[in-house]
PDB file of N, CA and C in Angstrom:
ATOM      1  N   MET A   1    -170.148 251.684 -74.087  1.00  0.00           N
ATOM      2  CA  MET A   1    -168.818 252.247 -74.070  1.00  0.00           C
ATOM      3  C   MET A   1    -167.815 251.185 -74.499  1.00  0.00           C
ATOM      4  N   ASP A   2    -166.961 251.526 -75.440  1.00  0.00           N
ATOM      5  CA  ASP A   2    -165.956 250.606 -75.952  1.00  0.00           C
ATOM      6  C   ASP A   2    -164.769 250.577 -74.993  1.00  0.00           C
ATOM      7  N   ARG A   3    -164.464 249.405 -74.433  1.00  0.00           N
ATOM      8  CA  ARG A   3    -163.382 249.281 -73.464  1.00  0.00           C
ATOM      9  C   ARG A   3    -162.149 248.587 -74.034  1.00  0.00           C
ATOM     10  N   ARG A   4    -162.138 248.388 -75.346  1.00  0.00           N
ATOM     11  CA  ARG A   4    -160.950 247.806 -75.965  1.00  0.00           C
ATOM     12  C   ARG A   4    -159.801 248.799 -75.888  1.00  0.00           C
ATOM     13  N   VAL A   5    -158.631 248.277 -75.717  1.00  0.00           N
ATOM     14  CA  VAL A   5    -157.447 249.123 -75.622  1.00  0.00           C
ATOM     15  C   VAL A   5    -156.469 248.713 -76.714  1.00  0.00           C
ATOM     16  N   THR A   6    -155.997 249.675 -77.439  1.00  0.00           N
ATOM     17  CA  THR A   6    -154.965 249.421 -78.425  1.00  0.00           C
ATOM     18  C   THR A   6    -153.657 249.929 -77.853  1.00  0.00           C
ATOM     19  N   VAL A   7    -152.710 249.034 -77.714  1.00  0.00           N
ATOM     20  CA  VAL A   7    -151.421 249.397 -77.152  1.00  0.00           C
ATOM     21  C   VAL A   7    -150.405 249.445 -78.285  1.00  0.00           C
ATOM     22  N   THR A   8    -149.926 250.651 -78.571  1.00  0.00           N
ATOM     23  CA  THR A   8    -148.950 250.784 -79.643  1.00  0.00           C
ATOM     24  C   THR A   8    -147.668 251.466 -79.199  1.00  0.00           C
ATOM     25  N   ASN A   9    -147.695 252.163 -78.091  1.00  0.00           N
ATOM     26  CA  ASN A   9    -146.529 252.933 -77.696  1.00  0.00           C
ATOM     27  C   ASN A   9    -145.988 252.520 -76.332  1.00  0.00           C
ATOM     28  N   LEU A  10    -145.757 251.252 -76.166  1.00  0.00           N
ATOM     29  CA  LEU A  10    -145.102 250.777 -74.956  1.00  0.00           C
ATOM     30  C   LEU A  10    -143.622 250.601 -75.247  1.00  0.00           C
ATOM     31  N   TRP A  11    -142.800 250.961 -74.285  1.00  0.00           N
ATOM     32  CA  TRP A  11    -141.357 250.737 -74.420  1.00  0.00           C
ATOM     33  C   TRP A  11    -141.122 249.255 -74.185  1.00  0.00           C
ATOM     34  N   THR A  12    -141.260 248.457 -75.220  1.00  0.00           N
ATOM     35  CA  THR A  12    -141.178 247.013 -75.053  1.00  0.00           C
ATOM     36  C   THR A  12    -139.868 246.429 -75.541  1.00  0.00           C
ATOM     37  N   GLU A  13    -139.085 247.220 -76.213  1.00  0.00           N
ATOM     38  CA  GLU A  13    -137.843 246.725 -76.792  1.00  0.00           C
ATOM     39  C   GLU A  13    -136.674 247.592 -76.332  1.00  0.00           C
ATOM     40  N   ARG A  14    -135.524 246.954 -76.176  1.00  0.00           N
ATOM     41  CA  ARG A  14    -134.268 247.689 -76.030  1.00  0.00           C
ATOM     42  C   ARG A  14    -133.617 247.607 -77.401  1.00  0.00           C
ATOM     43  N   ALA A  15    -133.143 248.720 -77.878  1.00  0.00           N
ATOM     44  CA  ALA A  15    -132.478 248.747 -79.169  1.00  0.00           C
ATOM     45  C   ALA A  15    -131.068 249.293 -78.997  1.00  0.00           C
ATOM     46  N   ALA A  16    -130.107 248.539 -79.485  1.00  0.00           N
ATOM     47  CA  ALA A  16    -128.738 249.018 -79.587  1.00  0.00           C
ATOM     48  C   ALA A  16    -128.545 249.368 -81.053  1.00  0.00           C
ATOM     49  N   VAL A  17    -128.103 250.594 -81.314  1.00  0.00           N
ATOM     50  CA  VAL A  17    -127.972 251.071 -82.677  1.00  0.00           C
ATOM     51  C   VAL A  17    -126.573 251.655 -82.858  1.00  0.00           C
ATOM     52  N   VAL A  18    -125.902 251.242 -83.908  1.00  0.00           N
ATOM     53  CA  VAL A  18    -124.569 251.750 -84.230  1.00  0.00           C
ATOM     54  C   VAL A  18    -124.601 252.218 -85.679  1.00  0.00           C
ATOM     55  N   VAL A  19    -124.106 253.450 -85.909  1.00  0.00           N
ATOM     56  CA  VAL A  19    -124.075 253.996 -87.263  1.00  0.00           C
ATOM     57  C   VAL A  19    -122.658 254.437 -87.615  1.00  0.00           C
ATOM     58  N   PRO A  20    -122.300 254.353 -88.898  1.00  0.00           N
ATOM     59  CA  PRO A  20    -120.998 254.882 -89.319  1.00  0.00           C
ATOM     60  C   PRO A  20    -120.924 256.380 -89.014  1.00  0.00           C
ATOM     61  N   ALA A  21    -119.725 256.869 -88.743  1.00  0.00           N
ATOM     62  CA  ALA A  21    -119.541 258.278 -88.396  1.00  0.00           C
ATOM     63  C   ALA A  21    -120.139 259.209 -89.456  1.00  0.00           C
ATOM     64  N   ALA A  22    -120.055 258.829 -90.707  1.00  0.00           N
ATOM     65  CA  ALA A  22    -120.577 259.672 -91.786  1.00  0.00           C
ATOM     66  C   ALA A  22    -122.095 259.815 -91.741  1.00  0.00           C
ATOM     67  N   LYS A  23    -122.778 258.952 -91.024  1.00  0.00           N
ATOM     68  CA  LYS A  23    -124.245 258.978 -90.952  1.00  0.00           C
ATOM     69  C   LYS A  23    -124.761 259.575 -89.638  1.00  0.00           C
ATOM     70  N   LYS A  24    -123.871 260.149 -88.824  1.00  0.00           N
ATOM     71  CA  LYS A  24    -124.262 260.647 -87.499  1.00  0.00           C
ATOM     72  C   LYS A  24    -125.408 261.662 -87.572  1.00  0.00           C
ATOM     73  N   ASP A  25    -125.309 262.656 -88.425  1.00  0.00           N
ATOM     74  CA  ASP A  25    -126.350 263.685 -88.497  1.00  0.00           C
ATOM     75  C   ASP A  25    -127.681 263.099 -88.961  1.00  0.00           C
ATOM     76  N   ASP A  26    -127.642 262.235 -89.966  1.00  0.00           N
ATOM     77  CA  ASP A  26    -128.870 261.582 -90.429  1.00  0.00           C
ATOM     78  C   ASP A  26    -129.482 260.729 -89.315  1.00  0.00           C
ATOM     79  N   ALA A  27    -128.631 260.033 -88.569  1.00  0.00           N
ATOM     80  CA  ALA A  27    -129.117 259.179 -87.490  1.00  0.00           C
ATOM     81  C   ALA A  27    -129.753 260.007 -86.374  1.00  0.00           C
ATOM     82  N   ASN A  28    -129.240 261.197 -86.124  1.00  0.00           N
ATOM     83  CA  ASN A  28    -129.840 262.055 -85.114  1.00  0.00           C
ATOM     84  C   ASN A  28    -131.229 262.530 -85.538  1.00  0.00           C
ATOM     85  N   LEU A  29    -131.408 262.810 -86.821  1.00  0.00           N
ATOM     86  CA  LEU A  29    -132.750 263.144 -87.312  1.00  0.00           C
ATOM     87  C   LEU A  29    -133.685 261.952 -87.162  1.00  0.00           C
ATOM     88  N   MET A  30    -133.168 260.760 -87.445  1.00  0.00           N
ATOM     89  CA  MET A  30    -133.950 259.538 -87.280  1.00  0.00           C
ATOM     90  C   MET A  30    -134.365 259.377 -85.819  1.00  0.00           C
ATOM     91  N   ALA A  31    -133.462 259.668 -84.880  1.00  0.00           N
ATOM     92  CA  ALA A  31    -133.764 259.535 -83.454  1.00  0.00           C
ATOM     93  C   ALA A  31    -134.895 260.477 -83.055  1.00  0.00           C
ATOM     94  N   LYS A  32    -134.899 261.653 -83.613  1.00  0.00           N
ATOM     95  CA  LYS A  32    -135.968 262.611 -83.311  1.00  0.00           C
ATOM     96  C   LYS A  32    -137.316 262.099 -83.817  1.00  0.00           C
ATOM     97  N   VAL A  33    -137.326 261.547 -85.033  1.00  0.00           N
ATOM     98  CA  VAL A  33    -138.566 261.028 -85.616  1.00  0.00           C
ATOM     99  C   VAL A  33    -139.072 259.804 -84.850  1.00  0.00           C
ATOM    100  N   LEU A  34    -138.166 258.892 -84.498  1.00  0.00           N
ATOM    101  CA  LEU A  34    -138.568 257.659 -83.817  1.00  0.00           C
ATOM    102  C   LEU A  34    -138.799 257.858 -82.324  1.00  0.00           C
ATOM    103  N   GLY A  35    -138.286 258.935 -81.783  1.00  0.00           N
ATOM    104  CA  GLY A  35    -138.434 259.196 -80.356  1.00  0.00           C
ATOM    105  C   GLY A  35    -139.624 260.081 -80.069  1.00  0.00           C
ATOM    106  N   ASN A  36    -139.414 261.045 -79.183  1.00  0.00           N
ATOM    107  CA  ASN A  36    -140.499 261.931 -78.763  1.00  0.00           C
ATOM    108  C   ASN A  36    -140.541 263.235 -79.535  1.00  0.00           C
ATOM    109  N   GLY A  37    -139.641 263.406 -80.502  1.00  0.00           N
ATOM    110  CA  GLY A  37    -139.662 264.591 -81.340  1.00  0.00           C
ATOM    111  C   GLY A  37    -138.997 265.815 -80.739  1.00  0.00           C
ATOM    112  N   THR A  38    -138.212 265.649 -79.688  1.00  0.00           N
ATOM    113  CA  THR A  38    -137.573 266.793 -79.058  1.00  0.00           C
ATOM    114  C   THR A  38    -136.238 267.107 -79.718  1.00  0.00           C
ATOM    115  N   ASP A  39    -135.829 268.364 -79.631  1.00  0.00           N
ATOM    116  CA  ASP A  39    -134.542 268.762 -80.192  1.00  0.00           C
ATOM    117  C   ASP A  39    -133.378 268.107 -79.471  1.00  0.00           C
ATOM    118  N   GLU A  40    -133.549 267.728 -78.209  1.00  0.00           N
ATOM    119  CA  GLU A  40    -132.486 267.041 -77.470  1.00  0.00           C
ATOM    120  C   GLU A  40    -132.111 265.733 -78.169  1.00  0.00           C
ATOM    121  N   GLU A  41    -133.075 265.116 -78.858  1.00  0.00           N
ATOM    122  CA  GLU A  41    -132.807 263.869 -79.558  1.00  0.00           C
ATOM    123  C   GLU A  41    -131.894 264.065 -80.766  1.00  0.00           C
ATOM    124  N   LEU A  42    -131.681 265.309 -81.174  1.00  0.00           N
ATOM    125  CA  LEU A  42    -130.748 265.585 -82.271  1.00  0.00           C
ATOM    126  C   LEU A  42    -129.307 265.406 -81.818  1.00  0.00           C
ATOM    127  N   LYS A  43    -129.105 265.149 -80.526  1.00  0.00           N
ATOM    128  CA  LYS A  43    -127.773 264.903 -79.979  1.00  0.00           C
ATOM    129  C   LYS A  43    -127.591 263.436 -79.576  1.00  0.00           C
ATOM    130  N   THR A  44    -128.535 262.597 -79.928  1.00  0.00           N
ATOM    131  CA  THR A  44    -128.519 261.194 -79.526  1.00  0.00           C
ATOM    132  C   THR A  44    -127.227 260.503 -79.944  1.00  0.00           C
ATOM    133  N   PHE A  45    -126.902 260.598 -81.225  1.00  0.00           N
ATOM    134  CA  PHE A  45    -125.670 259.990 -81.721  1.00  0.00           C
ATOM    135  C   PHE A  45    -124.576 261.040 -81.646  1.00  0.00           C
ATOM    136  N   GLY A  46    -123.526 260.726 -80.968  1.00  0.00           N
ATOM    137  CA  GLY A  46    -122.440 261.664 -80.762  1.00  0.00           C
ATOM    138  C   GLY A  46    -121.889 261.526 -79.363  1.00  0.00           C
ATOM    139  N   ARG A  47    -122.723 261.045 -78.466  1.00  0.00           N
ATOM    140  CA  ARG A  47    -122.292 260.857 -77.081  1.00  0.00           C
ATOM    141  C   ARG A  47    -121.408 259.619 -76.929  1.00  0.00           C
ATOM    142  N   MET A  48    -121.669 258.602 -77.718  1.00  0.00           N
ATOM    143  CA  MET A  48    -120.897 257.363 -77.623  1.00  0.00           C
ATOM    144  C   MET A  48    -120.081 257.173 -78.892  1.00  0.00           C
ATOM    145  N   LYS A  49    -118.799 257.517 -78.811  1.00  0.00           N
ATOM    146  CA  LYS A  49    -117.889 257.344 -79.936  1.00  0.00           C
ATOM    147  C   LYS A  49    -117.342 255.926 -79.921  1.00  0.00           C
ATOM    148  N   LEU A  50    -117.185 255.352 -81.111  1.00  0.00           N
ATOM    149  CA  LEU A  50    -116.717 253.970 -81.244  1.00  0.00           C
ATOM    150  C   LEU A  50    -115.639 253.870 -82.319  1.00  0.00           C
ATOM    151  N   SER A  51    -114.746 252.912 -82.146  1.00  0.00           N
ATOM    152  CA  SER A  51    -113.764 252.582 -83.180  1.00  0.00           C
ATOM    153  C   SER A  51    -113.277 251.157 -82.926  1.00  0.00           C
ATOM    154  N   PRO A  52    -112.654 250.530 -83.906  1.00  0.00           N
ATOM    155  CA  PRO A  52    -112.135 249.177 -83.693  1.00  0.00           C
ATOM    156  C   PRO A  52    -111.058 249.113 -82.608  1.00  0.00           C
ATOM    157  N   SER A  53    -110.276 250.178 -82.474  1.00  0.00           N
ATOM    158  CA  SER A  53    -109.180 250.172 -81.497  1.00  0.00           C
ATOM    159  C   SER A  53    -109.552 250.780 -80.152  1.00  0.00           C
ATOM    160  N   GLY A  54    -110.665 251.494 -80.087  1.00  0.00           N
ATOM    161  CA  GLY A  54    -111.018 252.221 -78.873  1.00  0.00           C
ATOM    162  C   GLY A  54    -110.333 253.573 -78.792  1.00  0.00           C
ATOM    163  N   ASN A  55    -109.662 253.969 -79.877  1.00  0.00           N
ATOM    164  CA  ASN A  55    -108.978 255.258 -79.948  1.00  0.00           C
ATOM    165  C   ASN A  55    -109.603 256.122 -81.033  1.00  0.00           C
ATOM    166  N   LEU A  56    -109.410 257.435 -80.897  1.00  0.00           N
ATOM    167  CA  LEU A  56    -109.859 258.364 -81.922  1.00  0.00           C
ATOM    168  C   LEU A  56    -109.074 258.121 -83.204  1.00  0.00           C
ATOM    169  N   PRO A  57    -109.626 258.383 -84.343  1.00  0.00           N
ATOM    170  CA  PRO A  57    -110.929 259.000 -84.572  1.00  0.00           C
ATOM    171  C   PRO A  57    -112.068 257.982 -84.493  1.00  0.00           C
ATOM    172  N   ALA A  58    -113.243 258.499 -84.196  1.00  0.00           N
ATOM    173  CA  ALA A  58    -114.425 257.640 -84.148  1.00  0.00           C
ATOM    174  C   ALA A  58    -114.799 257.211 -85.562  1.00  0.00           C
ATOM    175  N   THR A  59    -115.019 255.918 -85.725  1.00  0.00           N
ATOM    176  CA  THR A  59    -115.484 255.399 -87.014  1.00  0.00           C
ATOM    177  C   THR A  59    -116.996 255.183 -87.012  1.00  0.00           C
ATOM    178  N   HIS A  60    -117.563 255.090 -85.802  1.00  0.00           N
ATOM    179  CA  HIS A  60    -118.987 254.838 -85.619  1.00  0.00           C
ATOM    180  C   HIS A  60    -119.467 255.585 -84.374  1.00  0.00           C
ATOM    181  N   TYR A  61    -120.788 255.721 -84.277  1.00  0.00           N
ATOM    182  CA  TYR A  61    -121.429 256.262 -83.079  1.00  0.00           C
ATOM    183  C   TYR A  61    -122.538 255.304 -82.680  1.00  0.00           C
ATOM    184  N   GLY A  62    -122.762 255.186 -81.370  1.00  0.00           N
ATOM    185  CA  GLY A  62    -123.764 254.240 -80.903  1.00  0.00           C
ATOM    186  C   GLY A  62    -124.715 254.823 -79.893  1.00  0.00           C
ATOM    187  N   VAL A  63    -125.806 254.113 -79.700  1.00  0.00           N
ATOM    188  CA  VAL A  63    -126.793 254.469 -78.691  1.00  0.00           C
ATOM    189  C   VAL A  63    -127.489 253.191 -78.242  1.00  0.00           C
ATOM    190  N   ASN A  64    -127.902 253.200 -76.999  1.00  0.00           N
ATOM    191  CA  ASN A  64    -128.657 252.099 -76.403  1.00  0.00           C
ATOM    192  C   ASN A  64    -129.908 252.729 -75.818  1.00  0.00           C
ATOM    193  N   THR A  65    -131.073 252.326 -76.283  1.00  0.00           N
ATOM    194  CA  THR A  65    -132.285 253.018 -75.889  1.00  0.00           C
ATOM    195  C   THR A  65    -133.473 252.072 -75.820  1.00  0.00           C
ATOM    196  N   ALA A  66    -134.519 252.537 -75.159  1.00  0.00           N
ATOM    197  CA  ALA A  66    -135.801 251.831 -75.212  1.00  0.00           C
ATOM    198  C   ALA A  66    -136.492 252.277 -76.493  1.00  0.00           C
ATOM    199  N   LEU A  67    -137.333 251.416 -77.027  1.00  0.00           N
ATOM    200  CA  LEU A  67    -137.972 251.700 -78.308  1.00  0.00           C
ATOM    201  C   LEU A  67    -139.432 251.294 -78.248  1.00  0.00           C
ATOM    202  N   TYR A  68    -140.273 252.151 -78.802  1.00  0.00           N
ATOM    203  CA  TYR A  68    -141.678 251.784 -78.936  1.00  0.00           C
ATOM    204  C   TYR A  68    -141.797 250.621 -79.908  1.00  0.00           C
ATOM    205  N   LEU A  69    -142.578 249.630 -79.552  1.00  0.00           N
ATOM    206  CA  LEU A  69    -142.800 248.505 -80.447  1.00  0.00           C
ATOM    207  C   LEU A  69    -143.349 248.985 -81.791  1.00  0.00           C
ATOM    208  N   SER A  70    -144.185 250.007 -81.762  1.00  0.00           N
ATOM    209  CA  SER A  70    -144.778 250.517 -83.003  1.00  0.00           C
ATOM    210  C   SER A  70    -143.737 251.135 -83.939  1.00  0.00           C
ATOM    211  N   LYS A  71    -142.555 251.475 -83.442  1.00  0.00           N
ATOM    212  CA  LYS A  71    -141.516 252.096 -84.268  1.00  0.00           C
ATOM    213  C   LYS A  71    -140.423 251.101 -84.684  1.00  0.00           C
ATOM    214  N   LYS A  72    -140.493 249.902 -84.176  1.00  0.00           N
ATOM    215  CA  LYS A  72    -139.444 248.920 -84.447  1.00  0.00           C
ATOM    216  C   LYS A  72    -139.299 248.622 -85.935  1.00  0.00           C
ATOM    217  N   GLN A  73    -140.387 248.385 -86.637  1.00  0.00           N
ATOM    218  CA  GLN A  73    -140.303 248.040 -88.054  1.00  0.00           C
ATOM    219  C   GLN A  73    -139.755 249.190 -88.879  1.00  0.00           C
ATOM    220  N   LEU A  74    -140.078 250.423 -88.502  1.00  0.00           N
ATOM    221  CA  LEU A  74    -139.519 251.578 -89.208  1.00  0.00           C
ATOM    222  C   LEU A  74    -137.995 251.579 -89.127  1.00  0.00           C
ATOM    223  N   LEU A  75    -137.489 251.280 -87.950  1.00  0.00           N
ATOM    224  CA  LEU A  75    -136.045 251.239 -87.752  1.00  0.00           C
ATOM    225  C   LEU A  75    -135.412 250.106 -88.555  1.00  0.00           C
ATOM    226  N   ILE A  76    -136.038 248.956 -88.540  1.00  0.00           N
ATOM    227  CA  ILE A  76    -135.534 247.813 -89.309  1.00  0.00           C
ATOM    228  C   ILE A  76    -135.497 248.150 -90.798  1.00  0.00           C
ATOM    229  N   ASP A  77    -136.577 248.722 -91.312  1.00  0.00           N
ATOM    230  CA  ASP A  77    -136.640 249.077 -92.736  1.00  0.00           C
ATOM    231  C   ASP A  77    -135.550 250.074 -93.105  1.00  0.00           C
ATOM    232  N   LEU A  78    -135.327 251.057 -92.264  1.00  0.00           N
ATOM    233  CA  LEU A  78    -134.300 252.053 -92.531  1.00  0.00           C
ATOM    234  C   LEU A  78    -132.914 251.429 -92.573  1.00  0.00           C
ATOM    235  N   PHE A  79    -132.636 250.533 -91.637  1.00  0.00           N
ATOM    236  CA  PHE A  79    -131.306 249.945 -91.562  1.00  0.00           C
ATOM    237  C   PHE A  79    -131.065 248.876 -92.608  1.00  0.00           C
ATOM    238  N   GLU A  80    -132.101 248.414 -93.263  1.00  0.00           N
ATOM    239  CA  GLU A  80    -131.922 247.479 -94.368  1.00  0.00           C
ATOM    240  C   GLU A  80    -131.618 248.200 -95.673  1.00  0.00           C
ATOM    241  N   SER A  81    -131.718 249.520 -95.675  1.00  0.00           N
ATOM    242  CA  SER A  81    -131.438 250.284 -96.895  1.00  0.00           C
ATOM    243  C   SER A  81    -129.937 250.429 -97.101  1.00  0.00           C
ATOM    244  N   GLU A  82    -129.541 250.628 -98.348  1.00  0.00           N
ATOM    245  CA  GLU A  82    -128.129 250.822 -98.695  1.00  0.00           C
ATOM    246  C   GLU A  82    -127.532 252.025 -97.974  1.00  0.00           C
ATOM    247  N   GLU A  83    -128.368 252.996 -97.681  1.00  0.00           N
ATOM    248  CA  GLU A  83    -127.916 254.231 -97.044  1.00  0.00           C
ATOM    249  C   GLU A  83    -127.226 253.980 -95.701  1.00  0.00           C
ATOM    250  N   TYR A  84    -127.623 252.922 -95.029  1.00  0.00           N
ATOM    251  CA  TYR A  84    -127.059 252.619 -93.715  1.00  0.00           C
ATOM    252  C   TYR A  84    -126.143 251.389 -93.728  1.00  0.00           C
ATOM    253  N   ALA A  85    -125.475 251.156 -94.846  1.00  0.00           N
ATOM    254  CA  ALA A  85    -124.500 250.065 -94.904  1.00  0.00           C
ATOM    255  C   ALA A  85    -123.416 250.321 -93.852  1.00  0.00           C
ATOM    256  N   GLY A  86    -123.047 249.286 -93.143  1.00  0.00           N
ATOM    257  CA  GLY A  86    -122.029 249.422 -92.098  1.00  0.00           C
ATOM    258  C   GLY A  86    -122.601 249.741 -90.735  1.00  0.00           C
ATOM    259  N   ALA A  87    -123.921 249.854 -90.658  1.00  0.00           N
ATOM    260  CA  ALA A  87    -124.585 250.118 -89.380  1.00  0.00           C
ATOM    261  C   ALA A  87    -124.936 248.798 -88.699  1.00  0.00           C
ATOM    262  N   GLY A  88    -125.245 248.861 -87.425  1.00  0.00           N
ATOM    263  CA  GLY A  88    -125.637 247.671 -86.691  1.00  0.00           C
ATOM    264  C   GLY A  88    -126.878 247.939 -85.864  1.00  0.00           C
ATOM    265  N   LEU A  89    -127.678 246.912 -85.672  1.00  0.00           N
ATOM    266  CA  LEU A  89    -128.939 247.032 -84.962  1.00  0.00           C
ATOM    267  C   LEU A  89    -129.208 245.736 -84.231  1.00  0.00           C
ATOM    268  N   ARG A  90    -129.577 245.833 -82.959  1.00  0.00           N
ATOM    269  CA  ARG A  90    -129.895 244.644 -82.175  1.00  0.00           C
ATOM    270  C   ARG A  90    -131.045 244.980 -81.233  1.00  0.00           C
ATOM    271  N   PHE A  91    -132.003 244.058 -81.120  1.00  0.00           N
ATOM    272  CA  PHE A  91    -133.147 244.239 -80.237  1.00  0.00           C
ATOM    273  C   PHE A  91    -133.178 243.152 -79.174  1.00  0.00           C
ATOM    274  N   GLU A  92    -133.649 243.498 -78.013  1.00  0.00           N
ATOM    275  CA  GLU A  92    -133.958 242.532 -76.970  1.00  0.00           C
ATOM    276  C   GLU A  92    -135.136 243.078 -76.189  1.00  0.00           C
ATOM    277  N   GLU A  93    -135.747 242.247 -75.365  1.00  0.00           N
ATOM    278  CA  GLU A  93    -136.874 242.711 -74.576  1.00  0.00           C
ATOM    279  C   GLU A  93    -136.424 243.785 -73.605  1.00  0.00           C
ATOM    280  N   ALA A  94    -137.316 244.735 -73.321  1.00  0.00           N
ATOM    281  CA  ALA A  94    -136.981 245.889 -72.495  1.00  0.00           C
ATOM    282  C   ALA A  94    -136.533 245.500 -71.095  1.00  0.00           C
ATOM    283  N   GLU A  95    -136.938 244.351 -70.613  1.00  0.00           N
ATOM    284  CA  GLU A  95    -136.577 243.945 -69.258  1.00  0.00           C
ATOM    285  C   GLU A  95    -135.112 243.524 -69.150  1.00  0.00           C
ATOM    286  N   ASP A  96    -134.483 243.216 -70.280  1.00  0.00           N
ATOM    287  CA  ASP A  96    -133.087 242.802 -70.260  1.00  0.00           C
ATOM    288  C   ASP A  96    -132.211 243.957 -69.808  1.00  0.00           C
ATOM    289  N   SER A  97    -131.043 243.631 -69.335  1.00  0.00           N
ATOM    290  CA  SER A  97    -130.085 244.637 -68.897  1.00  0.00           C
ATOM    291  C   SER A  97    -129.778 245.595 -70.045  1.00  0.00           C
ATOM    292  N   PRO A  98    -129.949 246.917 -69.841  1.00  0.00           N
ATOM    293  CA  PRO A  98    -129.736 247.870 -70.932  1.00  0.00           C
ATOM    294  C   PRO A  98    -128.357 247.773 -71.578  1.00  0.00           C
ATOM    295  N   GLY A  99    -127.314 247.645 -70.800  1.00  0.00           N
ATOM    296  CA  GLY A  99    -125.970 247.598 -71.357  1.00  0.00           C
ATOM    297  C   GLY A  99    -125.658 246.318 -72.090  1.00  0.00           C
ATOM    298  N   GLU A 100    -126.359 245.260 -71.760  1.00  0.00           N
ATOM    299  CA  GLU A 100    -126.093 243.946 -72.361  1.00  0.00           C
ATOM    300  C   GLU A 100    -126.386 243.926 -73.854  1.00  0.00           C
ATOM    301  N   VAL A 101    -127.439 244.602 -74.269  1.00  0.00           N
ATOM    302  CA  VAL A 101    -127.820 244.633 -75.679  1.00  0.00           C
ATOM    303  C   VAL A 101    -126.714 245.297 -76.496  1.00  0.00           C
ATOM    304  N   LEU A 102    -126.229 246.434 -76.019  1.00  0.00           N
ATOM    305  CA  LEU A 102    -125.178 247.149 -76.729  1.00  0.00           C
ATOM    306  C   LEU A 102    -123.863 246.384 -76.707  1.00  0.00           C
ATOM    307  N   THR A 103    -123.529 245.801 -75.586  1.00  0.00           N
ATOM    308  CA  THR A 103    -122.284 245.030 -75.472  1.00  0.00           C
ATOM    309  C   THR A 103    -122.246 243.922 -76.511  1.00  0.00           C
ATOM    310  N   LYS A 104    -123.337 243.200 -76.684  1.00  0.00           N
ATOM    311  CA  LYS A 104    -123.403 242.118 -77.672  1.00  0.00           C
ATOM    312  C   LYS A 104    -123.206 242.641 -79.092  1.00  0.00           C
ATOM    313  N   LEU A 105    -123.823 243.780 -79.394  1.00  0.00           N
ATOM    314  CA  LEU A 105    -123.700 244.342 -80.735  1.00  0.00           C
ATOM    315  C   LEU A 105    -122.273 244.813 -80.996  1.00  0.00           C
ATOM    316  N   LEU A 106    -121.649 245.470 -80.022  1.00  0.00           N
ATOM    317  CA  LEU A 106    -120.278 245.948 -80.207  1.00  0.00           C
ATOM    318  C   LEU A 106    -119.310 244.792 -80.395  1.00  0.00           C
ATOM    319  N   LEU A 107    -119.502 243.726 -79.642  1.00  0.00           N
ATOM    320  CA  LEU A 107    -118.651 242.544 -79.818  1.00  0.00           C
ATOM    321  C   LEU A 107    -118.802 241.968 -81.225  1.00  0.00           C
ATOM    322  N   TYR A 108    -120.021 241.885 -81.683  1.00  0.00           N
ATOM    323  CA  TYR A 108    -120.289 241.347 -83.015  1.00  0.00           C
ATOM    324  C   TYR A 108    -119.647 242.210 -84.104  1.00  0.00           C
ATOM    325  N   MET A 109    -119.686 243.540 -83.922  1.00  0.00           N
ATOM    326  CA  MET A 109    -119.162 244.461 -84.927  1.00  0.00           C
ATOM    327  C   MET A 109    -117.667 244.737 -84.766  1.00  0.00           C
ATOM    328  N   GLY A 110    -117.074 244.257 -83.679  1.00  0.00           N
ATOM    329  CA  GLY A 110    -115.650 244.489 -83.449  1.00  0.00           C
ATOM    330  C   GLY A 110    -115.323 245.930 -83.100  1.00  0.00           C
ATOM    331  N   LEU A 111    -116.221 246.579 -82.364  1.00  0.00           N
ATOM    332  CA  LEU A 111    -116.029 247.978 -81.995  1.00  0.00           C
ATOM    333  C   LEU A 111    -115.871 248.129 -80.488  1.00  0.00           C
ATOM    334  N   VAL A 112    -115.172 249.194 -80.089  1.00  0.00           N
ATOM    335  CA  VAL A 112    -114.912 249.496 -78.680  1.00  0.00           C
ATOM    336  C   VAL A 112    -115.272 250.952 -78.448  1.00  0.00           C
ATOM    337  N   GLN A 113    -115.847 251.225 -77.282  1.00  0.00           N
ATOM    338  CA  GLN A 113    -116.171 252.599 -76.954  1.00  0.00           C
ATOM    339  C   GLN A 113    -114.902 253.403 -76.681  1.00  0.00           C
ATOM    340  N   ILE A 114    -114.834 254.597 -77.236  1.00  0.00           N
ATOM    341  CA  ILE A 114    -113.704 255.504 -77.027  1.00  0.00           C
ATOM    342  C   ILE A 114    -113.956 256.263 -75.734  1.00  0.00           C
ATOM    343  N   GLU A 115    -113.027 256.168 -74.824  1.00  0.00           N
ATOM    344  CA  GLU A 115    -113.151 256.875 -73.551  1.00  0.00           C
ATOM    345  C   GLU A 115    -112.361 258.167 -73.634  1.00  0.00           C
ATOM    346  N   ASP A 116    -113.098 259.287 -73.754  1.00  0.00           N
ATOM    347  CA  ASP A 116    -112.429 260.581 -73.712  1.00  0.00           C
ATOM    348  C   ASP A 116    -113.373 261.608 -73.115  1.00  0.00           C
ATOM    349  N   ASP A 117    -112.845 262.738 -72.724  1.00  0.00           N
ATOM    350  CA  ASP A 117    -113.633 263.766 -72.080  1.00  0.00           C
ATOM    351  C   ASP A 117    -114.196 264.783 -73.064  1.00  0.00           C
ATOM    352  N   ASN A 118    -113.887 264.634 -74.322  1.00  0.00           N
ATOM    353  CA  ASN A 118    -114.312 265.617 -75.325  1.00  0.00           C
ATOM    354  C   ASN A 118    -115.336 265.046 -76.284  1.00  0.00           C
ATOM    355  N   VAL A 119    -116.379 264.427 -75.751  1.00  0.00           N
ATOM    356  CA  VAL A 119    -117.415 263.847 -76.610  1.00  0.00           C
ATOM    357  C   VAL A 119    -118.197 264.985 -77.270  1.00  0.00           C
ATOM    358  N   GLN A 120    -118.338 264.892 -78.592  1.00  0.00           N
ATOM    359  CA  GLN A 120    -119.048 265.929 -79.333  1.00  0.00           C
ATOM    360  C   GLN A 120    -120.360 265.392 -79.849  1.00  0.00           C
TER     361      GLN A 120
END
């Protein structure tokens, strides 16, 4: 009996991802593909509105999530494409504070979360 174990789908990374507002729908499709494939993931980007001033309109959307190590390179390759110019991506080990990864990325990009009750 073969007792070797191949580990490919461990949540080993925290990923903070920020996309320009114009790429929100595409990014939600990406979240579905990189995640568990559920329709709920089509709403991933849209909950966290961002802008340089912290006021509407949103110029970017963000998410902070755990990521399968096996999907990390796919995300990197996608964000290196011209299609995602203006996007931001940061990884840290999953044990790190979830909010810390996103906070560092937002500071680097000069963005602030918009606080409002009408998140779409």
